[in-house]
């Protein structure tokens, strides 16, 4: 099974969306953003949160590609921002190889 960061590296999204996500991730605050996306309560650890965000983003990507009327670009960017932010936090907590 692939680890979470490898899964993220395999994702291919439009360049402009990812650029916006990286810019937005500079202001990412876990305590403010994650509850809005994952539901309120205790915040999960970085890896678990990232897996849940990947699942949510996959659904949004299907809606985007399928031109679904319920697709929200704002929500998709919000999830991508959280994914980039969580990935940065996860990388910073891992010991250097």
PDB file of N, CA and C in Angstrom:
ATOM      1  N   UNK A   1       0.841  -1.192   0.000  1.00  0.00           N
ATOM      2  CA  UNK A   1       0.000   0.000   0.000  1.00  0.00           C
ATOM      3  C   UNK A   1       0.887   1.257   0.000  1.00  0.00           C
ATOM      4  N   UNK A   2       0.458   2.239  -0.745  1.00  0.00           N
ATOM      5  CA  UNK A   2       1.224   3.472  -0.829  1.00  0.00           C
ATOM      6  C   UNK A   2       1.056   4.294   0.442  1.00  0.00           C
ATOM      7  N   UNK A   3       2.100   5.017   0.813  1.00  0.00           N
ATOM      8  CA  UNK A   3       1.940   5.924   1.940  1.00  0.00           C
ATOM      9  C   UNK A   3       1.215   7.182   1.452  1.00  0.00           C
ATOM     10  N   UNK A   4       0.783   7.993   2.385  1.00  0.00           N
ATOM     11  CA  UNK A   4      -0.057   9.150   2.083  1.00  0.00           C
ATOM     12  C   UNK A   4       0.662  10.154   1.188  1.00  0.00           C
ATOM     13  N   UNK A   5       1.913  10.429   1.471  1.00  0.00           N
ATOM     14  CA  UNK A   5       2.647  11.422   0.686  1.00  0.00           C
ATOM     15  C   UNK A   5       2.882  10.953  -0.739  1.00  0.00           C
ATOM     16  N   UNK A   6       3.081   9.651  -0.936  1.00  0.00           N
ATOM     17  CA  UNK A   6       3.225   9.109  -2.279  1.00  0.00           C
ATOM     18  C   UNK A   6       1.916   9.250  -3.040  1.00  0.00           C
ATOM     19  N   UNK A   7       0.808   9.024  -2.354  1.00  0.00           N
ATOM     20  CA  UNK A   7      -0.504   9.194  -2.974  1.00  0.00           C
ATOM     21  C   UNK A   7      -0.688  10.644  -3.436  1.00  0.00           C
ATOM     22  N   UNK A   8      -0.262  11.583  -2.620  1.00  0.00           N
ATOM     23  CA  UNK A   8      -0.382  12.999  -2.982  1.00  0.00           C
ATOM     24  C   UNK A   8       0.474  13.343  -4.197  1.00  0.00           C
ATOM     25  N   UNK A   9       1.666  12.795  -4.249  1.00  0.00           N
ATOM     26  CA  UNK A   9       2.547  13.073  -5.382  1.00  0.00           C
ATOM     27  C   UNK A   9       1.982  12.524  -6.688  1.00  0.00           C
ATOM     28  N   UNK A  10       1.133  11.511  -6.598  1.00  0.00           N
ATOM     29  CA  UNK A  10       0.553  10.910  -7.799  1.00  0.00           C
ATOM     30  C   UNK A  10      -0.647  11.697  -8.331  1.00  0.00           C
ATOM     31  N   UNK A  11      -1.182  12.620  -7.525  1.00  0.00           N
ATOM     32  CA  UNK A  11      -2.330  13.406  -7.974  1.00  0.00           C
ATOM     33  C   UNK A  11      -1.918  14.425  -9.027  1.00  0.00           C
ATOM     34  N   UNK A  12      -2.728  14.555 -10.054  1.00  0.00           N
ATOM     35  CA  UNK A  12      -2.482  15.550 -11.097  1.00  0.00           C
ATOM     36  C   UNK A  12      -3.735  16.399 -11.240  1.00  0.00           C
ATOM     37  N   UNK A  13      -3.604  17.650 -10.874  1.00  0.00           N
ATOM     38  CA  UNK A  13      -4.704  18.599 -10.957  1.00  0.00           C
ATOM     39  C   UNK A  13      -4.263  19.778 -11.804  1.00  0.00           C
ATOM     40  N   UNK A  14      -5.221  20.575 -12.283  1.00  0.00           N
ATOM     41  CA  UNK A  14      -4.844  21.748 -13.085  1.00  0.00           C
ATOM     42  C   UNK A  14      -3.844  22.633 -12.344  1.00  0.00           C
ATOM     43  N   UNK A  15      -2.891  23.125 -13.107  1.00  0.00           N
ATOM     44  CA  UNK A  15      -1.784  23.915 -12.547  1.00  0.00           C
ATOM     45  C   UNK A  15      -2.279  25.120 -11.754  1.00  0.00           C
ATOM     46  N   UNK A  16      -3.281  25.806 -12.278  1.00  0.00           N
ATOM     47  CA  UNK A  16      -3.790  27.004 -11.609  1.00  0.00           C
ATOM     48  C   UNK A  16      -4.424  26.664 -10.257  1.00  0.00           C
ATOM     49  N   UNK A  17      -5.140  25.537 -10.200  1.00  0.00           N
ATOM     50  CA  UNK A  17      -5.737  25.118  -8.922  1.00  0.00           C
ATOM     51  C   UNK A  17      -4.655  24.817  -7.889  1.00  0.00           C
ATOM     52  N   UNK A  18      -3.607  24.116  -8.306  1.00  0.00           N
ATOM     53  CA  UNK A  18      -2.546  23.762  -7.366  1.00  0.00           C
ATOM     54  C   UNK A  18      -1.745  24.988  -6.940  1.00  0.00           C
ATOM     55  N   UNK A  19      -1.576  25.910  -7.859  1.00  0.00           N
ATOM     56  CA  UNK A  19      -0.880  27.152  -7.491  1.00  0.00           C
ATOM     57  C   UNK A  19      -1.676  27.911  -6.440  1.00  0.00           C
ATOM     58  N   UNK A  20      -2.992  27.999  -6.638  1.00  0.00           N
ATOM     59  CA  UNK A  20      -3.857  28.668  -5.663  1.00  0.00           C
ATOM     60  C   UNK A  20      -3.819  27.937  -4.326  1.00  0.00           C
ATOM     61  N   UNK A  21      -3.784  26.606  -4.368  1.00  0.00           N
ATOM     62  CA  UNK A  21      -3.740  25.817  -3.128  1.00  0.00           C
ATOM     63  C   UNK A  21      -2.440  26.059  -2.371  1.00  0.00           C
ATOM     64  N   UNK A  22      -1.323  26.116  -3.083  1.00  0.00           N
ATOM     65  CA  UNK A  22      -0.036  26.363  -2.411  1.00  0.00           C
ATOM     66  C   UNK A  22       0.008  27.756  -1.796  1.00  0.00           C
ATOM     67  N   UNK A  23      -0.551  28.733  -2.494  1.00  0.00           N
ATOM     68  CA  UNK A  23      -0.589  30.093  -1.950  1.00  0.00           C
ATOM     69  C   UNK A  23      -1.490  30.135  -0.720  1.00  0.00           C
ATOM     70  N   UNK A  24      -2.653  29.503  -0.820  1.00  0.00           N
ATOM     71  CA  UNK A  24      -3.584  29.476   0.308  1.00  0.00           C
ATOM     72  C   UNK A  24      -3.040  28.717   1.505  1.00  0.00           C
ATOM     73  N   UNK A  25      -2.221  27.699   1.249  1.00  0.00           N
ATOM     74  CA  UNK A  25      -1.670  26.886   2.338  1.00  0.00           C
ATOM     75  C   UNK A  25      -0.699  27.672   3.212  1.00  0.00           C
ATOM     76  N   UNK A  26      -0.203  28.792   2.721  1.00  0.00           N
ATOM     77  CA  UNK A  26       0.695  29.617   3.531  1.00  0.00           C
ATOM     78  C   UNK A  26      -0.032  30.172   4.750  1.00  0.00           C
ATOM     79  N   UNK A  27      -1.340  30.347   4.632  1.00  0.00           N
ATOM     80  CA  UNK A  27      -2.150  30.862   5.743  1.00  0.00           C
ATOM     81  C   UNK A  27      -2.964  29.765   6.420  1.00  0.00           C
ATOM     82  N   UNK A  28      -2.652  28.501   6.123  1.00  0.00           N
ATOM     83  CA  UNK A  28      -3.425  27.369   6.645  1.00  0.00           C
ATOM     84  C   UNK A  28      -3.264  27.250   8.156  1.00  0.00           C
ATOM     85  N   UNK A  29      -4.390  27.176   8.827  1.00  0.00           N
ATOM     86  CA  UNK A  29      -4.416  26.924  10.278  1.00  0.00           C
ATOM     87  C   UNK A  29      -5.313  25.721  10.505  1.00  0.00           C
ATOM     88  N   UNK A  30      -4.706  24.692  10.968  1.00  0.00           N
ATOM     89  CA  UNK A  30      -5.372  23.409  11.166  1.00  0.00           C
ATOM     90  C   UNK A  30      -6.632  23.535  12.017  1.00  0.00           C
ATOM     91  N   UNK A  31      -6.536  24.260  13.115  1.00  0.00           N
ATOM     92  CA  UNK A  31      -7.662  24.362  14.051  1.00  0.00           C
ATOM     93  C   UNK A  31      -8.840  25.124  13.466  1.00  0.00           C
ATOM     94  N   UNK A  32      -8.605  25.971  12.494  1.00  0.00           N
ATOM     95  CA  UNK A  32      -9.689  26.737  11.888  1.00  0.00           C
ATOM     96  C   UNK A  32     -10.246  26.068  10.636  1.00  0.00           C
ATOM     97  N   UNK A  33      -9.393  25.434   9.851  1.00  0.00           N
ATOM     98  CA  UNK A  33      -9.819  24.890   8.569  1.00  0.00           C
ATOM     99  C   UNK A  33     -10.369  23.470   8.646  1.00  0.00           C
ATOM    100  N   UNK A  34      -9.708  22.587   9.391  1.00  0.00           N
ATOM    101  CA  UNK A  34     -10.121  21.188   9.406  1.00  0.00           C
ATOM    102  C   UNK A  34     -11.537  20.948   9.931  1.00  0.00           C
ATOM    103  N   UNK A  35     -11.957  21.577  11.017  1.00  0.00           N
ATOM    104  CA  UNK A  35     -13.322  21.307  11.489  1.00  0.00           C
ATOM    105  C   UNK A  35     -14.377  21.637  10.439  1.00  0.00           C
ATOM    106  N   UNK A  36     -14.144  22.667   9.668  1.00  0.00           N
ATOM    107  CA  UNK A  36     -15.096  23.058   8.637  1.00  0.00           C
ATOM    108  C   UNK A  36     -15.207  21.982   7.558  1.00  0.00           C
ATOM    109  N   UNK A  37     -14.110  21.283   7.282  1.00  0.00           N
ATOM    110  CA  UNK A  37     -14.093  20.288   6.214  1.00  0.00           C
ATOM    111  C   UNK A  37     -14.419  18.876   6.695  1.00  0.00           C
ATOM    112  N   UNK A  38     -13.946  18.524   7.886  1.00  0.00           N
ATOM    113  CA  UNK A  38     -14.096  17.158   8.377  1.00  0.00           C
ATOM    114  C   UNK A  38     -15.175  16.998   9.436  1.00  0.00           C
ATOM    115  N   UNK A  39     -15.703  18.097   9.918  1.00  0.00           N
ATOM    116  CA  UNK A  39     -16.695  18.019  10.978  1.00  0.00           C
ATOM    117  C   UNK A  39     -16.064  18.413  12.300  1.00  0.00           C
ATOM    118  N   UNK A  40     -16.876  18.884  13.165  1.00  0.00           N
ATOM    119  CA  UNK A  40     -16.379  19.376  14.448  1.00  0.00           C
ATOM    120  C   UNK A  40     -16.139  18.230  15.407  1.00  0.00           C
ATOM    121  N   UNK A  41     -15.296  18.459  16.365  1.00  0.00           N
ATOM    122  CA  UNK A  41     -14.900  17.442  17.326  1.00  0.00           C
ATOM    123  C   UNK A  41     -13.389  17.442  17.425  1.00  0.00           C
ATOM    124  N   UNK A  42     -12.858  16.358  17.966  1.00  0.00           N
ATOM    125  CA  UNK A  42     -11.405  16.246  18.110  1.00  0.00           C
ATOM    126  C   UNK A  42     -10.759  16.152  16.731  1.00  0.00           C
ATOM    127  N   UNK A  43      -9.681  16.893  16.555  1.00  0.00           N
ATOM    128  CA  UNK A  43      -8.978  16.872  15.272  1.00  0.00           C
ATOM    129  C   UNK A  43      -8.171  15.584  15.139  1.00  0.00           C
ATOM    130  N   UNK A  44      -8.264  14.924  13.989  1.00  0.00           N
ATOM    131  CA  UNK A  44      -7.472  13.701  13.782  1.00  0.00           C
ATOM    132  C   UNK A  44      -6.000  14.033  13.564  1.00  0.00           C
ATOM    133  N   UNK A  45      -5.163  13.018  13.690  1.00  0.00           N
ATOM    134  CA  UNK A  45      -3.735  13.210  13.414  1.00  0.00           C
ATOM    135  C   UNK A  45      -3.546  13.559  11.950  1.00  0.00           C
ATOM    136  N   UNK A  46      -2.368  14.062  11.607  1.00  0.00           N
ATOM    137  CA  UNK A  46      -2.094  14.538  10.248  1.00  0.00           C
ATOM    138  C   UNK A  46      -2.369  13.486   9.176  1.00  0.00           C
ATOM    139  N   UNK A  47      -1.873  12.287   9.351  1.00  0.00           N
ATOM    140  CA  UNK A  47      -2.032  11.242   8.345  1.00  0.00           C
ATOM    141  C   UNK A  47      -3.486  10.869   8.115  1.00  0.00           C
ATOM    142  N   UNK A  48      -4.226  10.737   9.200  1.00  0.00           N
ATOM    143  CA  UNK A  48      -5.644  10.378   9.106  1.00  0.00           C
ATOM    144  C   UNK A  48      -6.427  11.517   8.464  1.00  0.00           C
ATOM    145  N   UNK A  49      -6.135  12.735   8.864  1.00  0.00           N
ATOM    146  CA  UNK A  49      -6.808  13.896   8.281  1.00  0.00           C
ATOM    147  C   UNK A  49      -6.527  13.969   6.787  1.00  0.00           C
ATOM    148  N   UNK A  50      -5.297  13.700   6.415  1.00  0.00           N
ATOM    149  CA  UNK A  50      -4.918  13.757   5.008  1.00  0.00           C
ATOM    150  C   UNK A  50      -5.646  12.692   4.194  1.00  0.00           C
ATOM    151  N   UNK A  51      -5.796  11.499   4.735  1.00  0.00           N
ATOM    152  CA  UNK A  51      -6.540  10.445   4.037  1.00  0.00           C
ATOM    153  C   UNK A  51      -8.005  10.846   3.824  1.00  0.00           C
ATOM    154  N   UNK A  52      -8.611  11.434   4.840  1.00  0.00           N
ATOM    155  CA  UNK A  52      -9.999  11.876   4.704  1.00  0.00           C
ATOM    156  C   UNK A  52     -10.119  12.993   3.669  1.00  0.00           C
ATOM    157  N   UNK A  53      -9.161  13.905   3.677  1.00  0.00           N
ATOM    158  CA  UNK A  53      -9.170  14.996   2.704  1.00  0.00           C
ATOM    159  C   UNK A  53      -8.986  14.469   1.284  1.00  0.00           C
ATOM    160  N   UNK A  54      -8.169  13.444   1.115  1.00  0.00           N
ATOM    161  CA  UNK A  54      -7.961  12.845  -0.204  1.00  0.00           C
ATOM    162  C   UNK A  54      -9.268  12.240  -0.714  1.00  0.00           C
ATOM    163  N   UNK A  55     -10.012  11.594   0.170  1.00  0.00           N
ATOM    164  CA  UNK A  55     -11.304  11.015  -0.216  1.00  0.00           C
ATOM    165  C   UNK A  55     -12.289  12.100  -0.642  1.00  0.00           C
ATOM    166  N   UNK A  56     -12.350  13.168   0.128  1.00  0.00           N
ATOM    167  CA  UNK A  56     -13.260  14.280  -0.195  1.00  0.00           C
ATOM    168  C   UNK A  56     -12.858  14.901  -1.529  1.00  0.00           C
ATOM    169  N   UNK A  57     -11.548  15.088  -1.713  1.00  0.00           N
ATOM    170  CA  UNK A  57     -11.063  15.719  -2.939  1.00  0.00           C
ATOM    171  C   UNK A  57     -11.336  14.844  -4.160  1.00  0.00           C
ATOM    172  N   UNK A  58     -11.243  13.522  -4.008  1.00  0.00           N
ATOM    173  CA  UNK A  58     -11.519  12.619  -5.131  1.00  0.00           C
ATOM    174  C   UNK A  58     -12.965  12.767  -5.597  1.00  0.00           C
ATOM    175  N   UNK A  59     -13.881  12.918  -4.657  1.00  0.00           N
ATOM    176  CA  UNK A  59     -15.286  13.130  -4.998  1.00  0.00           C
ATOM    177  C   UNK A  59     -15.465  14.456  -5.725  1.00  0.00           C
ATOM    178  N   UNK A  60     -14.820  15.487  -5.227  1.00  0.00           N
ATOM    179  CA  UNK A  60     -14.909  16.795  -5.871  1.00  0.00           C
ATOM    180  C   UNK A  60     -14.300  16.773  -7.276  1.00  0.00           C
ATOM    181  N   UNK A  61     -13.215  16.033  -7.446  1.00  0.00           N
ATOM    182  CA  UNK A  61     -12.582  15.925  -8.758  1.00  0.00           C
ATOM    183  C   UNK A  61     -13.500  15.214  -9.752  1.00  0.00           C
ATOM    184  N   UNK A  62     -14.188  14.183  -9.294  1.00  0.00           N
ATOM    185  CA  UNK A  62     -15.159  13.493 -10.157  1.00  0.00           C
ATOM    186  C   UNK A  62     -16.256  14.457 -10.588  1.00  0.00           C
ATOM    187  N   UNK A  63     -16.722  15.282  -9.649  1.00  0.00           N
ATOM    188  CA  UNK A  63     -17.752  16.265  -9.988  1.00  0.00           C
ATOM    189  C   UNK A  63     -17.221  17.280 -10.992  1.00  0.00           C
ATOM    190  N   UNK A  64     -15.995  17.716 -10.810  1.00  0.00           N
ATOM    191  CA  UNK A  64     -15.398  18.707 -11.715  1.00  0.00           C
ATOM    192  C   UNK A  64     -15.278  18.149 -13.125  1.00  0.00           C
ATOM    193  N   UNK A  65     -14.739  16.953 -13.236  1.00  0.00           N
ATOM    194  CA  UNK A  65     -14.538  16.342 -14.546  1.00  0.00           C
ATOM    195  C   UNK A  65     -15.876  16.042 -15.219  1.00  0.00           C
ATOM    196  N   UNK A  66     -16.863  15.630 -14.431  1.00  0.00           N
ATOM    197  CA  UNK A  66     -18.172  15.293 -14.970  1.00  0.00           C
ATOM    198  C   UNK A  66     -19.078  16.489 -15.187  1.00  0.00           C
ATOM    199  N   UNK A  67     -18.577  17.685 -14.950  1.00  0.00           N
ATOM    200  CA  UNK A  67     -19.374  18.915 -15.087  1.00  0.00           C
ATOM    201  C   UNK A  67     -20.671  18.838 -14.282  1.00  0.00           C
ATOM    202  N   UNK A  68     -20.574  18.306 -13.083  1.00  0.00           N
ATOM    203  CA  UNK A  68     -21.727  18.189 -12.185  1.00  0.00           C
ATOM    204  C   UNK A  68     -22.180  19.574 -11.750  1.00  0.00           C
ATOM    205  N   UNK A  69     -23.474  19.794 -11.762  1.00  0.00           N
ATOM    206  CA  UNK A  69     -24.015  21.107 -11.395  1.00  0.00           C
ATOM    207  C   UNK A  69     -23.778  21.441  -9.924  1.00  0.00           C
ATOM    208  N   UNK A  70     -23.576  20.428  -9.099  1.00  0.00           N
ATOM    209  CA  UNK A  70     -23.369  20.681  -7.674  1.00  0.00           C
ATOM    210  C   UNK A  70     -21.905  20.933  -7.324  1.00  0.00           C
ATOM    211  N   UNK A  71     -21.023  20.912  -8.322  1.00  0.00           N
ATOM    212  CA  UNK A  71     -19.593  21.122  -8.078  1.00  0.00           C
ATOM    213  C   UNK A  71     -19.335  22.544  -7.589  1.00  0.00           C
ATOM    214  N   UNK A  72     -18.469  22.646  -6.561  1.00  0.00           N
ATOM    215  CA  UNK A  72     -18.095  23.943  -6.014  1.00  0.00           C
ATOM    216  C   UNK A  72     -16.575  24.104  -6.094  1.00  0.00           C
ATOM    217  N   UNK A  73     -16.140  25.032  -6.932  1.00  0.00           N
ATOM    218  CA  UNK A  73     -14.713  25.307  -7.063  1.00  0.00           C
ATOM    219  C   UNK A  73     -14.129  25.811  -5.750  1.00  0.00           C
ATOM    220  N   UNK A  74     -14.891  26.617  -5.045  1.00  0.00           N
ATOM    221  CA  UNK A  74     -14.424  27.169  -3.771  1.00  0.00           C
ATOM    222  C   UNK A  74     -14.156  26.045  -2.764  1.00  0.00           C
ATOM    223  N   UNK A  75     -15.081  25.092  -2.677  1.00  0.00           N
ATOM    224  CA  UNK A  75     -14.892  23.973  -1.751  1.00  0.00           C
ATOM    225  C   UNK A  75     -13.706  23.122  -2.190  1.00  0.00           C
ATOM    226  N   UNK A  76     -13.575  22.910  -3.489  1.00  0.00           N
ATOM    227  CA  UNK A  76     -12.461  22.111  -3.998  1.00  0.00           C
ATOM    228  C   UNK A  76     -11.129  22.772  -3.634  1.00  0.00           C
ATOM    229  N   UNK A  77     -11.035  24.072  -3.826  1.00  0.00           N
ATOM    230  CA  UNK A  77      -9.813  24.782  -3.458  1.00  0.00           C
ATOM    231  C   UNK A  77      -9.571  24.740  -1.956  1.00  0.00           C
ATOM    232  N   UNK A  78     -10.628  24.844  -1.182  1.00  0.00           N
ATOM    233  CA  UNK A  78     -10.506  24.775   0.275  1.00  0.00           C
ATOM    234  C   UNK A  78      -9.922  23.423   0.696  1.00  0.00           C
ATOM    235  N   UNK A  79     -10.391  22.354   0.071  1.00  0.00           N
ATOM    236  CA  UNK A  79      -9.884  21.014   0.381  1.00  0.00           C
ATOM    237  C   UNK A  79      -8.437  20.877  -0.076  1.00  0.00           C
ATOM    238  N   UNK A  80      -8.124  21.379  -1.262  1.00  0.00           N
ATOM    239  CA  UNK A  80      -6.738  21.318  -1.743  1.00  0.00           C
ATOM    240  C   UNK A  80      -5.788  22.107  -0.841  1.00  0.00           C
ATOM    241  N   UNK A  81      -6.233  23.250  -0.369  1.00  0.00           N
ATOM    242  CA  UNK A  81      -5.422  24.046   0.568  1.00  0.00           C
ATOM    243  C   UNK A  81      -5.145  23.241   1.831  1.00  0.00           C
ATOM    244  N   UNK A  82      -6.182  22.603   2.358  1.00  0.00           N
ATOM    245  CA  UNK A  82      -6.010  21.788   3.567  1.00  0.00           C
ATOM    246  C   UNK A  82      -5.076  20.609   3.296  1.00  0.00           C
ATOM    247  N   UNK A  83      -5.191  20.001   2.116  1.00  0.00           N
ATOM    248  CA  UNK A  83      -4.311  18.879   1.779  1.00  0.00           C
ATOM    249  C   UNK A  83      -2.846  19.322   1.732  1.00  0.00           C
ATOM    250  N   UNK A  84      -2.586  20.436   1.090  1.00  0.00           N
ATOM    251  CA  UNK A  84      -1.211  20.944   1.007  1.00  0.00           C
ATOM    252  C   UNK A  84      -0.707  21.304   2.409  1.00  0.00           C
ATOM    253  N   UNK A  85      -1.549  21.958   3.195  1.00  0.00           N
ATOM    254  CA  UNK A  85      -1.163  22.333   4.554  1.00  0.00           C
ATOM    255  C   UNK A  85      -0.878  21.127   5.432  1.00  0.00           C
ATOM    256  N   UNK A  86      -1.748  20.119   5.358  1.00  0.00           N
ATOM    257  CA  UNK A  86      -1.538  18.902   6.156  1.00  0.00           C
ATOM    258  C   UNK A  86      -0.298  18.145   5.694  1.00  0.00           C
ATOM    259  N   UNK A  87      -0.054  18.120   4.388  1.00  0.00           N
ATOM    260  CA  UNK A  87       1.141  17.446   3.871  1.00  0.00           C
ATOM    261  C   UNK A  87       2.406  18.134   4.378  1.00  0.00           C
ATOM    262  N   UNK A  88       2.379  19.456   4.411  1.00  0.00           N
ATOM    263  CA  UNK A  88       3.535  20.198   4.937  1.00  0.00           C
ATOM    264  C   UNK A  88       3.759  19.885   6.413  1.00  0.00           C
ATOM    265  N   UNK A  89       2.668  19.842   7.171  1.00  0.00           N
ATOM    266  CA  UNK A  89       2.790  19.519   8.595  1.00  0.00           C
ATOM    267  C   UNK A  89       3.306  18.101   8.788  1.00  0.00           C
ATOM    268  N   UNK A  90       2.807  17.164   7.980  1.00  0.00           N
ATOM    269  CA  UNK A  90       3.235  15.777   8.085  1.00  0.00           C
ATOM    270  C   UNK A  90       4.710  15.634   7.741  1.00  0.00           C
ATOM    271  N   UNK A  91       5.147  16.312   6.695  1.00  0.00           N
ATOM    272  CA  UNK A  91       6.564  16.244   6.313  1.00  0.00           C
ATOM    273  C   UNK A  91       7.455  16.838   7.396  1.00  0.00           C
ATOM    274  N   UNK A  92       6.985  17.896   8.052  1.00  0.00           N
ATOM    275  CA  UNK A  92       7.799  18.539   9.081  1.00  0.00           C
ATOM    276  C   UNK A  92       7.913  17.690  10.340  1.00  0.00           C
ATOM    277  N   UNK A  93       6.949  16.795  10.575  1.00  0.00           N
ATOM    278  CA  UNK A  93       7.014  15.946  11.778  1.00  0.00           C
ATOM    279  C   UNK A  93       7.784  14.668  11.544  1.00  0.00           C
ATOM    280  N   UNK A  94       8.020  14.303  10.279  1.00  0.00           N
ATOM    281  CA  UNK A  94       8.776  13.095   9.989  1.00  0.00           C
ATOM    282  C   UNK A  94      10.262  13.338  10.170  1.00  0.00           C
ATOM    283  N   UNK A  95      10.947  12.333  10.660  1.00  0.00           N
ATOM    284  CA  UNK A  95      12.391  12.438  10.859  1.00  0.00           C
ATOM    285  C   UNK A  95      13.079  12.429   9.495  1.00  0.00           C
ATOM    286  N   UNK A  96      14.123  13.248   9.338  1.00  0.00           N
ATOM    287  CA  UNK A  96      14.849  13.235   8.067  1.00  0.00           C
ATOM    288  C   UNK A  96      15.503  11.877   7.815  1.00  0.00           C
ATOM    289  N   UNK A  97      15.453  11.448   6.557  1.00  0.00           N
ATOM    290  CA  UNK A  97      15.981  10.114   6.216  1.00  0.00           C
ATOM    291  C   UNK A  97      17.487  10.113   6.107  1.00  0.00           C
TER     292      UNK A  97
END
